[in-house]
Structure formats: structure tokens, C-alpha cells
Protein backbone atom coordinates (compact mmCIF):
# COMPACT_ATOMS: atom_id res chain seq x y z
CA MET A 1 -0.01 0.00 -0.01
CA ALA A 2 1.33 3.44 -0.88
CA ASN A 3 1.96 5.64 2.14
CA LYS A 4 0.70 9.20 2.45
CA GLN A 5 4.09 10.64 1.58
CA ASP A 6 3.88 8.97 -1.91
CA LYS A 7 0.80 10.99 -2.71
CA ILE A 8 2.45 14.39 -2.00
CA PRO A 9 3.74 15.91 -5.27
CA GLU A 10 7.31 17.13 -5.62
CA VAL A 11 7.30 20.63 -7.07
CA VAL A 12 10.43 22.36 -8.29
CA PHE A 13 10.05 26.13 -8.39
CA PHE A 14 12.34 27.75 -11.04
CA HIS A 15 13.03 31.41 -10.23
CA ARG A 16 14.94 34.04 -12.12
CA LYS A 17 18.24 35.41 -10.59
CA PRO A 18 17.20 38.68 -8.98
CA ARG A 19 18.56 41.79 -10.67
CA ARG A 20 20.56 44.28 -8.71
CA VAL A 21 17.63 46.79 -8.99
CA GLY A 22 14.05 46.20 -9.70
CA ASN A 23 10.80 44.63 -8.42
CA TYR A 24 10.90 40.98 -7.27
CA SER A 25 7.27 40.54 -6.40
CA VAL A 26 7.01 37.15 -8.14
CA GLU A 27 9.44 35.61 -5.61
CA PHE A 28 7.19 36.78 -2.71
CA ILE A 29 4.11 35.38 -4.46
CA PHE A 30 5.49 31.80 -4.61
CA ASP A 31 7.17 31.98 -1.27
CA ASP A 32 3.69 32.52 0.17
CA VAL A 33 2.26 29.62 -1.92
CA ARG A 34 5.01 27.27 -0.74
CA THR A 35 4.36 28.29 2.88
CA ARG A 36 0.65 27.58 2.66
CA LEU A 37 1.16 24.26 0.87
CA LYS A 38 4.12 23.11 3.04
CA ASP A 39 2.24 20.03 4.25
CA ARG A 40 0.73 19.19 0.83
CA ILE A 41 3.78 19.43 -1.49
CA ASN A 42 7.45 18.67 -1.26
CA SER A 43 9.05 21.80 -2.78
CA ARG A 44 12.52 22.69 -4.02
CA ILE A 45 13.68 26.05 -5.29
CA VAL A 46 16.07 26.46 -8.21
CA THR A 47 17.30 29.98 -8.81
CA SER A 48 18.97 30.69 -12.16
CA ALA A 49 22.73 31.06 -11.87
CA PHE A 50 22.75 34.10 -14.12
CA GLU A 51 20.55 37.09 -14.85
CA SER A 52 18.50 36.70 -18.02
CA SER A 53 20.78 38.42 -20.51
CA GLY A 54 22.94 37.05 -23.32
CA PHE A 55 22.80 33.75 -25.16
CA PHE A 56 25.40 31.73 -23.17
CA LYS A 57 24.03 32.81 -19.76
CA ARG A 58 20.49 31.86 -20.73
CA LEU A 59 21.78 28.52 -22.18
CA TYR A 60 23.51 27.77 -18.94
CA ASN A 61 20.31 28.61 -17.07
CA CYS A 62 18.44 26.12 -19.27
CA LEU A 63 20.98 23.38 -18.65
CA GLN A 64 20.74 24.08 -14.87
CA ALA A 65 17.01 23.77 -15.08
CA TRP A 66 17.21 20.52 -17.05
CA TYR A 67 19.56 18.99 -14.46
CA ASN A 68 17.23 19.97 -11.54
CA GLN A 69 13.86 19.10 -12.94
CA GLY A 70 11.42 17.08 -10.81
CA GLN A 71 8.02 15.51 -10.68
CA VAL A 72 6.39 18.94 -11.34
CA ASN A 73 8.37 21.75 -12.81
CA HIS A 74 6.94 25.31 -12.18
CA ILE A 75 8.66 28.17 -14.01
CA THR A 76 7.44 31.11 -12.05
CA GLY A 77 7.82 33.92 -14.54
CA ASP A 78 10.23 36.17 -16.39
CA VAL A 79 12.45 33.25 -17.35
CA ASN A 80 9.98 31.52 -19.71
CA TYR A 81 12.76 30.11 -21.85
CA LEU A 82 13.81 27.73 -19.05
CA GLY A 83 11.19 25.27 -20.31
CA LEU A 84 13.19 24.57 -23.48
CA LEU A 85 14.74 21.39 -22.09
CA LEU A 86 12.27 20.36 -19.44
CA LYS A 87 9.73 17.46 -19.75
CA ARG A 88 6.72 19.05 -21.40
CA ARG A 89 4.09 16.98 -19.56
CA ARG A 90 5.52 17.87 -16.17
CA THR A 91 6.01 21.60 -16.74
CA ILE A 92 3.89 24.62 -15.76
CA GLN A 93 4.68 28.12 -16.99
CA THR A 94 3.51 31.27 -15.22
CA ILE A 95 3.38 34.21 -17.68
CA LEU A 96 3.14 37.48 -15.87
CA ASP A 97 2.54 39.83 -18.85
CA CYS A 98 3.37 40.47 -22.49
CA VAL A 99 4.81 43.99 -22.03
CA HIS A 100 8.07 43.28 -23.98
CA LEU A 101 6.04 41.88 -26.97
CA ASN A 102 3.77 44.86 -26.99
CA SER A 103 6.65 47.35 -27.16
CA SER A 104 8.66 45.47 -29.86
CA GLY A 105 8.43 45.04 -33.61
CA GLY A 106 10.10 43.38 -36.58
CA LEU A 107 12.81 40.80 -36.00
CA LYS A 108 13.05 41.64 -32.27
CA TYR A 109 9.38 40.91 -31.84
CA GLN A 110 9.70 37.59 -33.63
CA ILE A 111 12.68 36.48 -31.46
CA LEU A 112 10.97 37.55 -28.21
CA LYS A 113 7.74 35.84 -29.26
CA MET A 114 9.55 32.65 -30.08
CA PHE A 115 11.54 32.34 -26.79
CA TRP A 116 9.14 34.03 -24.34
CA LEU A 117 5.81 32.65 -25.69
CA VAL A 118 5.80 30.13 -28.55
CA ILE A 119 8.46 27.71 -27.24
CA PRO A 120 7.34 28.03 -23.55
CA GLU A 121 3.77 27.17 -24.62
CA LYS A 122 4.86 24.18 -26.71
CA ARG A 123 7.05 22.93 -23.93
CA SER A 124 4.54 23.05 -21.10
CA LYS A 125 1.44 21.15 -19.98
CA PHE A 126 -0.25 24.22 -18.59
CA ILE A 127 0.26 28.00 -18.53
CA THR A 128 -0.93 30.15 -15.69
CA ALA A 129 -1.76 33.76 -16.30
CA ILE A 130 -2.18 36.19 -13.41
CA SER A 131 -5.27 37.83 -14.96
CA GLU A 132 -7.85 37.27 -17.66
CA ALA A 133 -6.41 40.27 -19.46
CA THR A 134 -3.02 38.62 -19.53
CA LYS A 135 -4.56 35.42 -20.91
CA GLN A 136 -6.25 37.36 -23.71
CA GLU A 137 -2.91 39.09 -24.55
CA ILE A 138 -1.13 35.69 -24.76
CA LEU A 139 -3.81 34.46 -27.14
CA ARG A 140 -3.60 37.64 -29.19
CA HIS A 141 0.16 37.18 -29.71
CA HIS A 142 0.12 33.36 -30.06
CA LYS A 143 -2.77 31.16 -31.04
CA CYS A 144 -2.99 28.07 -28.80
CA ASP A 145 -5.62 26.08 -26.97
CA PRO A 146 -7.22 28.60 -24.57
CA ASN A 147 -8.02 25.75 -22.18
CA LYS A 148 -4.34 25.22 -21.66
CA ILE A 149 -4.17 28.73 -20.02
CA VAL A 150 -5.43 28.79 -16.42
CA VAL A 151 -6.04 32.13 -14.82
CA ILE A 152 -4.72 32.22 -11.19
CA PRO A 153 -4.60 35.72 -9.84
CA VAL A 154 -2.10 37.15 -7.37
CA ALA A 155 -2.98 36.79 -3.76
CA ILE A 156 -3.01 39.82 -1.39
CA SER A 157 -0.35 39.60 1.31
CA PRO A 158 -1.77 39.33 4.84
CA ARG A 159 0.86 41.92 5.81
CA PHE A 160 -1.44 44.58 4.40
CA LYS A 161 -4.05 45.20 7.02
CA ALA A 162 -6.78 47.80 7.61
CA TYR A 163 -5.36 50.92 9.16
CA HIS A 164 -7.68 53.76 10.08
CA LYS A 165 -6.60 57.25 9.17
CA ILE A 166 -8.57 60.45 9.02
CA PHE A 167 -8.63 61.59 5.42
CA ASN A 168 -6.78 64.86 4.84
CA LYS A 169 -9.08 66.84 2.64
CA GLU A 170 -6.96 70.01 2.82
CA CYS A 171 -3.79 68.40 1.44
CA PRO A 172 -4.11 64.66 0.68
CA VAL A 173 -1.09 62.46 0.15
CA ILE A 174 -1.30 60.61 -3.17
CA LEU A 175 0.86 57.47 -3.22
CA GLN A 176 2.38 56.43 -6.56
CA ILE A 177 4.23 53.06 -6.70
CA GLY A 178 6.80 52.71 -9.45
CA THR A 179 8.36 55.07 -11.98
CA ALA A 180 8.64 52.94 -15.15
CA PRO A 181 7.22 54.55 -18.32
CA ASN A 182 4.01 52.50 -18.10
CA LYS A 183 3.19 54.04 -14.78
CA ASN A 184 2.13 57.19 -16.68
CA ILE A 185 3.54 59.67 -14.12
CA PRO A 186 3.65 62.67 -16.49
CA LYS A 187 -0.12 62.37 -16.96
CA LEU A 188 -0.61 62.09 -13.24
CA ILE A 189 1.54 65.18 -12.59
CA GLU A 190 -0.40 67.21 -15.20
CA ALA A 191 -3.78 65.99 -13.66
CA ILE A 192 -2.87 67.14 -10.15
CA LYS A 193 -1.55 70.60 -11.04
CA GLY A 194 -3.65 73.12 -9.22
CA LEU A 195 -4.73 70.54 -6.59
CA ARG A 196 -3.32 71.06 -3.11
CA CYS A 197 -1.74 67.73 -2.35
CA VAL A 198 1.60 65.86 -1.85
CA LEU A 199 2.63 63.29 -4.35
CA ASN A 200 4.61 60.49 -2.71
CA ILE A 201 6.52 58.65 -5.44
CA VAL A 202 8.29 55.35 -4.60
CA GLY A 203 10.71 54.46 -7.30
CA LYS A 204 13.88 55.50 -9.05
CA GLN A 205 14.23 59.27 -9.44
CA ASN A 206 13.56 60.66 -12.83
CA GLU A 207 14.81 64.15 -13.88
CA GLU A 208 11.96 64.58 -16.40
CA TYR A 209 9.35 63.99 -13.66
CA GLU A 210 11.06 66.25 -11.21
CA LEU A 211 11.20 69.11 -13.74
CA LEU A 212 7.42 68.73 -14.30
CA LEU A 213 6.76 68.66 -10.49
CA LYS A 214 8.70 71.82 -10.05
CA LYS A 215 7.13 73.45 -13.20
CA TYR A 216 3.66 72.96 -11.75
CA ASN A 217 4.74 73.81 -8.18
CA ILE A 218 3.61 70.39 -6.76
CA ASP A 219 4.74 69.27 -3.37
CA TYR A 220 6.36 65.81 -3.72
CA VAL A 221 8.49 63.21 -1.96
CA TYR A 222 10.72 60.75 -3.87
CA GLU A 223 11.76 57.49 -2.10
CA TRP A 224 13.64 54.42 -3.29
CA GLY A 225 14.88 51.22 -1.71
CA LEU A 226 12.24 50.93 0.96
CA SER A 227 11.92 47.84 3.11
CA ASP A 228 8.70 45.83 3.13
CA ALA A 229 7.76 47.40 6.51
CA GLU A 230 8.52 50.90 5.23
CA MET A 231 6.44 50.24 2.08
CA ILE A 232 3.41 49.17 4.17
CA LYS A 233 3.85 52.34 6.23
CA ARG A 234 3.65 54.49 3.10
CA TYR A 235 0.27 52.94 2.34
CA GLU A 236 -0.87 53.65 5.85
CA GLN A 237 0.29 57.29 5.65
CA ALA A 238 -1.31 57.89 2.26
CA ASP A 239 -4.78 59.25 1.62
CA ILE A 240 -5.17 58.10 -1.99
CA ILE A 241 -3.51 55.25 -3.93
CA SER A 242 -2.91 56.01 -7.64
CA LEU A 243 -2.23 53.45 -10.38
CA ILE A 244 -3.23 55.09 -13.64
CA SER A 245 -0.85 52.94 -15.72
CA THR A 246 -0.95 52.51 -19.46
CA TYR A 247 -0.06 48.83 -18.90
CA GLU A 248 -0.26 46.34 -16.10
CA GLY A 249 -0.24 42.59 -16.15
CA PHE A 250 -2.06 42.69 -12.79
CA GLY A 251 -1.78 45.84 -10.57
CA MET A 252 -0.93 44.83 -6.98
CA PRO A 253 -1.05 48.45 -5.58
CA ILE A 254 -4.76 48.36 -6.20
CA LEU A 255 -5.29 45.44 -3.78
CA GLU A 256 -2.67 46.66 -1.33
CA GLY A 257 -4.34 50.04 -1.08
CA GLN A 258 -7.79 48.48 -0.67
CA ALA A 259 -6.52 46.12 2.03
CA VAL A 260 -5.15 49.07 4.03
CA GLY A 261 -8.43 50.99 3.60
CA ARG A 262 -7.49 53.67 1.09
CA PRO A 263 -9.53 54.89 -1.87
CA VAL A 264 -7.88 53.84 -5.19
CA ILE A 265 -7.81 55.53 -8.58
CA THR A 266 -6.72 53.35 -11.48
CA SER A 267 -7.01 52.97 -15.26
CA ASN A 268 -10.09 51.58 -17.06
CA ILE A 269 -7.98 49.33 -19.35
CA LEU A 270 -6.43 45.80 -19.40
CA SER A 271 -6.18 44.05 -16.02
CA MET A 272 -6.87 47.02 -13.75
CA PRO A 273 -10.74 47.01 -13.86
CA GLU A 274 -10.64 43.21 -13.44
CA VAL A 275 -8.51 43.54 -10.28
CA ALA A 276 -10.24 46.62 -8.85
CA GLY A 277 -13.75 45.39 -9.27
CA SER A 278 -16.26 48.04 -8.40
CA ALA A 279 -14.01 49.30 -5.56
CA ALA A 280 -11.96 52.00 -7.36
CA VAL A 281 -12.34 55.08 -9.50
CA LEU A 282 -11.64 53.96 -13.05
CA VAL A 283 -10.31 56.59 -15.43
CA ASN A 284 -8.87 57.02 -18.93
CA PRO A 285 -5.13 57.01 -18.37
CA ASN A 286 -4.63 59.21 -21.46
CA ASP A 287 -7.11 61.87 -20.36
CA THR A 288 -5.74 64.23 -17.76
CA ASN A 289 -9.15 65.85 -17.23
CA ASP A 290 -10.69 62.43 -16.42
CA ILE A 291 -7.87 61.73 -14.01
CA LYS A 292 -8.28 65.08 -12.36
CA SER A 293 -12.09 64.64 -12.03
CA GLY A 294 -11.64 61.24 -10.46
CA LEU A 295 -9.19 62.62 -7.87
CA GLU A 296 -11.41 65.61 -7.06
CA LYS A 297 -14.43 63.30 -6.50
CA ILE A 298 -12.49 61.21 -4.06
CA ILE A 299 -11.29 64.30 -2.22
CA SER A 300 -14.58 66.16 -2.10
CA ASP A 301 -17.26 63.50 -1.69
CA ASP A 302 -17.02 61.90 1.79
CA ASN A 303 -19.79 59.40 1.19
CA PHE A 304 -18.39 58.24 -2.14
CA ARG A 305 -14.96 57.84 -0.58
CA ALA A 306 -16.33 55.80 2.35
CA ASP A 307 -18.25 53.57 -0.09
CA LEU A 308 -15.06 53.00 -2.08
CA ILE A 309 -13.14 51.98 1.00
CA SER A 310 -15.91 49.57 2.09
CA ALA A 311 -16.14 48.04 -1.37
CA GLY A 312 -12.36 47.60 -1.29
CA TYR A 313 -12.49 45.51 1.79
CA GLU A 314 -14.97 43.23 0.05
CA ASN A 315 -13.02 43.12 -3.16
CA ILE A 316 -9.80 41.77 -1.62
CA LYS A 317 -11.65 38.67 -0.46
CA ARG A 318 -11.47 37.42 -4.03
CA PHE A 319 -7.69 37.24 -3.68
CA ASP A 320 -7.48 35.26 -0.43
CA PRO A 321 -4.02 33.61 -0.18
CA ASP A 322 -5.30 30.24 0.87
CA THR A 323 -7.72 30.16 -2.09
CA ILE A 324 -4.94 31.04 -4.51
CA ALA A 325 -2.62 28.40 -3.04
CA GLN A 326 -5.29 25.81 -3.47
CA MET A 327 -5.70 26.69 -7.14
CA TYR A 328 -2.00 26.00 -7.68
CA LEU A 329 -2.25 22.75 -5.75
CA GLU A 330 -5.05 21.40 -7.97
CA LEU A 331 -2.89 22.19 -10.97
CA TYR A 332 0.13 20.37 -9.46
CA LYS A 333 -2.10 17.31 -8.77
CA LYS A 334 -3.20 17.28 -12.47
CA ILE A 335 0.41 17.06 -13.50
């Protein structure tokens, strides 16, 4: 008779090598999944020896993955090409977004599509996408069986908890996470000119943004390299969370803001409405007047703001960590 241990799947999690600067949220996502499934899977972590750059470094990473493959192989994102040498029927790919494909063309697009989408799809049993919007993007770039793509959203970390704060109507703090081009900060800056507020930007400093902030005489704070505890504190200190991006594969600041109890303004495109539900102000990220109107309604309308916050607490229940972990477990069992 097989013992109980025989029924526990062995899952090897393949992670990218962290870059010296950047956002490593994917590692936190699957660290939480492993913690919640610790009694239901036997897990190993394989971190790529090299950053994802250059042919020979990527080839070495592929060989390392091949040597370390197990009963279930889960490539957790941003190193999709690792599946090249793995056993197809035992491999799961998590695809976070298609941002590099969307911003490329010609030969570069064809190469990226081949190694970040086509080959990974052919060399895996299942693909997980972190949002329905990401799933549809994958299918737009590469026609494959849609049933092969399973949408498993990102769980909200239990570290983000409700924190009461009296809303500062006279000079609200608007928290902006990230400074990459897709974060659409110039439009946000233009939208808040004339509003009495403080823009708290967490991300690498950008001279263009600072010149705009000074041009419009906007009070601002720039911060970079915050710890997890400091990051949570910024949410607690904020009055409004802004994520008016032109592109997001998911949009974690939406959920993090809702979990802390802050009104959120976000874009009405791609994954952001899907993540926000009915618990955020949705605006056209290319229309500064629409962004400004959304911010002014949050600031001026106390009842509307309170309803947003209440709806936010309900919305995050859809992203319960135990539920998300169980969705991954069911997929591992299918393998």
C-alpha cells in the first residue's frame, strides 16, 4: 500500500536570478504559496545562476533547469525560456505579462515571441496567467488552446491590514508606486496641477518627472529602496492610492491600497478593472481631465470615498492567499 508521503507531489520552483535593482514581487508570491502548501507538497527552489541576459548565460540557465527538474516543474515567470529542455508533460509556465512583446516590432518581436511565448507554450502542460487580461494578451500574440491557459490571480499579502486614518481633505497624500514609463507619471502630474496635495513617489528618481513637478509647483516626496515594513507604512500614511498605468499585467497596488483601507484611482484598461472590481475610480489614463475629475471626486465626496473603501475590503476577499494556493495545488495534482 502506498503511504501518504507517496501522494504528495514534488514541485520544483524555477526562479529568475534577482537583478541588482528592480521589483521582485514574483518571488514573494510563490514563497507564500509554498508556505501555505508546506504540508501538501514537497518543494525545491532552483534560482537561475545568471541574470536573464545574453545567449550563453541563458543557455547555462536552461541546462541548470534541465539537471534539476522534478516531478512537477513550475517556471514562475520572467524566465519563460527555461522550459526549453524540461519534460513538457511535467512543466507549468507562469506568464506575468506580454509587455516586451507589446513594445517590440520586426525581428526583435519575432525572437521575443519565439523564446518568451511560442516555445514556452509548446514545452509546457499548462500555462498560468495572473489575470484574464494577460490570458487574452497571450492568445492575441500566439494562437494556442485557450483551455491550456489557467487564470490564477495574485494573492493579497496578509501583511497589508486595515489601518484607520482620518482623510486629509486639505492636502491629501497621493501614493504612486513605481516610476517605469508604463506608470504614466507625467499624466498624473499634469492632472494634479492646481490641486493642493503631496505626491509621494516610490521608485527611481527621474529628472523629467522632477522638472514637471517643479514646473507645476507640486509638493512631492521621492523615495527608493524601502523595506517591506516601510512600504506598508507608506500605504498607511497615504490618503489616496494612484495606479493610472498605461499597462499592467495585474496591478498589486490596487489590492494593497484596498486592504489598508485607502481609496484607489486606477485605469479603465487591461487588467486593472478586473483587479479593482467596483471598488476603485476607473479613469482613462490618457485623459488628464478624467484623472483630475476622479481625484477631485475622491477628495470632495465623503460618502463616495467611504463607499469605495468599504467596497475595497469586500473586493480583496477574491484574492485570499489560501484560495490562490489551493488553485496551484489542484494544478500540481493534475500534473
